[in-house]
Amino acid sequence: MEILSSIILRPIRIEDYNYVLNWSRDEAFCLANDWEINRNEKDVYAWWVHCVTTDFKNFNRIGIEYEGRLIGYVDVVLINDVTAEIGIAIGERNLWGRGIGTSSILKLMEYASKELGIKIFKAETHEANTRSRSMLEKIGFREIDRDGTDNYLGLDSCLIRYKLHI
């Protein structure tokens, strides 16, 4: 898979701020990822510095680099010794739907299984987020339940939880 070999997962850096600032100016990205719309630059910078410099015990945010630039991030939240919840945000909307998310999640899962001993992956998305649902199902995740609603693109949408045992 050509895209998979072009994706680099790497630590996020303060120097990535300008990419993040650009994402914060894209209303569609903000709505899709539950980011505040029209957030001022100072607040975006403070939030990014916090993400980069805070050592969270069970949470890792890892940058997705593609063609030499940060284009998003993946998250892994350790639930226990063998289980983690994963998430993803692709900041450059022109790259949505091109398989980059799928490739990034596969790389994240490979890392988490080899380096962290994770055997069970969980994920959650909105019923209305058809791209995310398709990506998870393509990778092999299975729906385990639907519980509650949350705002997605300005509308209430059912939350779907997924699980994958490797």
Protein backbone atom coordinates (compact mmCIF):
# COMPACT_ATOMS: atom_id res chain seq x y z
CA MET A 1 0.00 0.00 0.00
CA GLU A 2 1.71 3.17 -1.24
CA ILE A 3 0.06 5.51 1.28
CA LEU A 4 1.00 3.29 4.24
CA SER A 5 4.69 3.60 3.38
CA SER A 6 4.35 7.40 3.05
CA ILE A 7 2.91 7.85 6.56
CA ILE A 8 5.26 8.56 9.45
CA LEU A 9 3.99 8.50 13.02
CA ARG A 10 6.15 10.75 15.17
CA PRO A 11 6.03 12.81 18.36
CA ILE A 12 4.10 16.05 18.09
CA ARG A 13 6.21 19.19 18.46
CA ILE A 14 5.61 22.81 19.36
CA GLU A 15 7.00 23.67 15.91
CA ASP A 16 3.89 21.96 14.45
CA TYR A 17 1.76 24.84 15.73
CA ASN A 18 1.27 26.54 12.35
CA TYR A 19 -0.29 23.36 10.94
CA VAL A 20 -2.59 23.13 13.95
CA LEU A 21 -3.49 26.81 13.63
CA ASN A 22 -4.49 26.24 9.99
CA TRP A 23 -6.72 23.32 11.00
CA SER A 24 -8.36 25.50 13.64
CA ARG A 25 -9.39 27.94 10.88
CA ASP A 26 -11.23 25.23 8.91
CA GLU A 27 -14.84 25.23 10.11
CA ALA A 28 -15.57 21.77 8.66
CA PHE A 29 -12.57 20.27 10.46
CA CYS A 30 -13.56 21.97 13.71
CA LEU A 31 -17.15 20.73 13.49
CA ALA A 32 -16.03 17.19 12.65
CA ASN A 33 -13.57 17.06 15.56
CA ASP A 34 -15.49 19.01 18.18
CA TRP A 35 -13.04 21.91 18.13
CA GLU A 36 -14.22 25.38 19.01
CA ILE A 37 -14.86 27.48 15.89
CA ASN A 38 -13.03 30.81 15.58
CA ARG A 39 -10.74 30.10 18.51
CA ASN A 40 -8.13 32.82 18.88
CA GLU A 41 -4.50 32.08 18.03
CA LYS A 42 -3.28 32.55 21.59
CA ASP A 43 -5.71 29.91 22.90
CA VAL A 44 -4.82 27.48 20.11
CA TYR A 45 -1.13 27.95 20.89
CA ALA A 46 -1.63 27.43 24.66
CA TRP A 47 -3.65 24.27 23.99
CA TRP A 48 -1.00 22.93 21.60
CA VAL A 49 1.85 23.63 24.03
CA HIS A 50 -0.15 21.76 26.68
CA CYS A 51 -0.61 18.79 24.30
CA VAL A 52 3.09 18.69 23.48
CA THR A 53 4.59 19.26 26.93
CA THR A 54 2.23 17.46 29.30
CA ASP A 55 3.13 13.87 30.15
CA PHE A 56 -0.24 12.15 30.35
CA LYS A 57 -0.10 8.84 32.17
CA ASN A 58 -2.36 6.77 29.91
CA PHE A 59 -2.79 9.02 26.88
CA ASN A 60 -0.51 9.47 23.87
CA ARG A 61 -1.07 11.91 20.99
CA ILE A 62 1.17 11.06 18.06
CA GLY A 63 1.64 13.18 14.94
CA ILE A 64 0.87 11.95 11.44
CA GLU A 65 3.44 13.18 8.96
CA TYR A 66 2.75 12.88 5.25
CA GLU A 67 4.89 14.32 2.46
CA GLY A 68 7.08 16.12 5.00
CA ARG A 69 4.35 17.92 6.95
CA LEU A 70 2.11 17.27 9.93
CA ILE A 71 -1.36 16.49 8.59
CA GLY A 72 -3.08 15.18 11.71
CA TYR A 73 -2.68 13.05 14.79
CA VAL A 74 -3.66 9.72 16.27
CA ASP A 75 -4.48 9.13 19.91
CA VAL A 76 -4.12 6.02 22.01
CA VAL A 77 -5.67 5.85 25.47
CA LEU A 78 -4.55 2.91 27.58
CA ILE A 79 -7.52 1.35 29.37
CA ASN A 80 -5.63 -1.58 30.91
CA ASP A 81 -2.61 -3.77 30.12
CA VAL A 82 -4.08 -5.19 26.91
CA THR A 83 -6.83 -2.73 25.90
CA ALA A 84 -6.67 0.74 24.39
CA GLU A 85 -9.05 3.18 22.75
CA ILE A 86 -7.82 4.86 19.60
CA GLY A 87 -8.79 8.00 17.72
CA ILE A 88 -7.69 10.07 14.76
CA ALA A 89 -7.97 13.57 13.32
CA ILE A 90 -6.78 14.48 9.83
CA GLY A 91 -6.31 18.24 9.82
CA GLU A 92 -5.99 18.78 6.10
CA ARG A 93 -9.49 18.35 4.74
CA ASN A 94 -8.25 17.94 1.16
CA LEU A 95 -6.70 14.64 2.31
CA TRP A 96 -9.94 13.19 3.70
CA GLY A 97 -11.16 10.05 1.96
CA ARG A 98 -7.78 9.11 0.48
CA GLY A 99 -6.86 6.21 2.81
CA ILE A 100 -4.50 8.21 5.00
CA GLY A 101 -6.64 7.68 8.08
CA THR A 102 -6.78 3.94 7.51
CA SER A 103 -3.01 3.75 6.99
CA SER A 104 -2.38 5.88 10.09
CA ILE A 105 -4.64 3.76 12.30
CA LEU A 106 -2.97 0.56 11.03
CA LYS A 107 0.46 2.01 11.90
CA LEU A 108 -0.81 3.10 15.32
CA MET A 109 -2.20 -0.37 16.02
CA GLU A 110 1.07 -1.99 14.95
CA TYR A 111 2.99 0.31 17.31
CA ALA A 112 0.55 -0.20 20.20
CA SER A 113 0.56 -3.97 19.87
CA LYS A 114 4.36 -4.30 19.57
CA GLU A 115 5.48 -1.60 22.00
CA LEU A 116 2.60 -1.48 24.49
CA GLY A 117 1.27 -5.06 24.34
CA ILE A 118 -2.21 -4.00 23.25
CA LYS A 119 -4.41 -6.85 22.01
CA ILE A 120 -7.86 -5.23 22.13
CA PHE A 121 -8.59 -1.94 20.40
CA LYS A 122 -11.72 0.13 20.92
CA ALA A 123 -12.99 3.12 18.99
CA GLU A 124 -16.05 5.33 18.98
CA THR A 125 -17.62 7.44 16.28
CA HIS A 126 -20.87 9.09 15.36
CA GLU A 127 -23.46 7.30 13.27
CA ALA A 128 -23.40 10.26 10.87
CA ASN A 129 -19.61 10.01 10.40
CA THR A 130 -19.74 7.55 7.52
CA ARG A 131 -16.05 7.95 6.61
CA SER A 132 -14.92 7.02 10.11
CA ARG A 133 -17.34 4.10 10.27
CA SER A 134 -16.16 2.81 6.90
CA MET A 135 -12.51 3.12 7.93
CA LEU A 136 -13.02 1.19 11.16
CA GLU A 137 -15.02 -1.54 9.46
CA LYS A 138 -12.43 -1.84 6.64
CA ILE A 139 -9.73 -2.44 9.25
CA GLY A 140 -11.84 -5.16 10.88
CA PHE A 141 -13.49 -3.38 13.81
CA ARG A 142 -16.92 -4.72 14.75
CA GLU A 143 -19.74 -2.67 16.18
CA ILE A 144 -20.38 -3.59 19.81
CA ASP A 145 -23.07 -1.11 20.80
CA ARG A 146 -24.88 2.13 20.21
CA ASP A 147 -25.39 4.22 23.28
CA GLY A 148 -26.17 7.87 23.67
CA THR A 149 -25.84 10.78 21.32
CA ASP A 150 -23.31 13.51 20.80
CA ASN A 151 -23.00 16.55 18.58
CA TYR A 152 -21.47 15.91 15.16
CA LEU A 153 -21.43 18.59 12.48
CA GLY A 154 -23.94 20.58 14.49
CA LEU A 155 -26.49 17.77 14.85
CA ASP A 156 -27.16 15.12 17.48
CA SER A 157 -25.87 11.77 16.25
CA CYS A 158 -25.93 8.33 17.82
CA LEU A 159 -22.58 7.15 19.20
CA ILE A 160 -21.33 3.81 17.89
CA ARG A 161 -18.67 1.86 19.76
CA TYR A 162 -16.35 -0.59 17.99
CA LYS A 163 -13.91 -3.28 19.09
CA LEU A 164 -11.14 -5.27 17.43
CA HIS A 165 -9.17 -8.18 18.92
CA ILE A 166 -5.82 -8.84 17.28
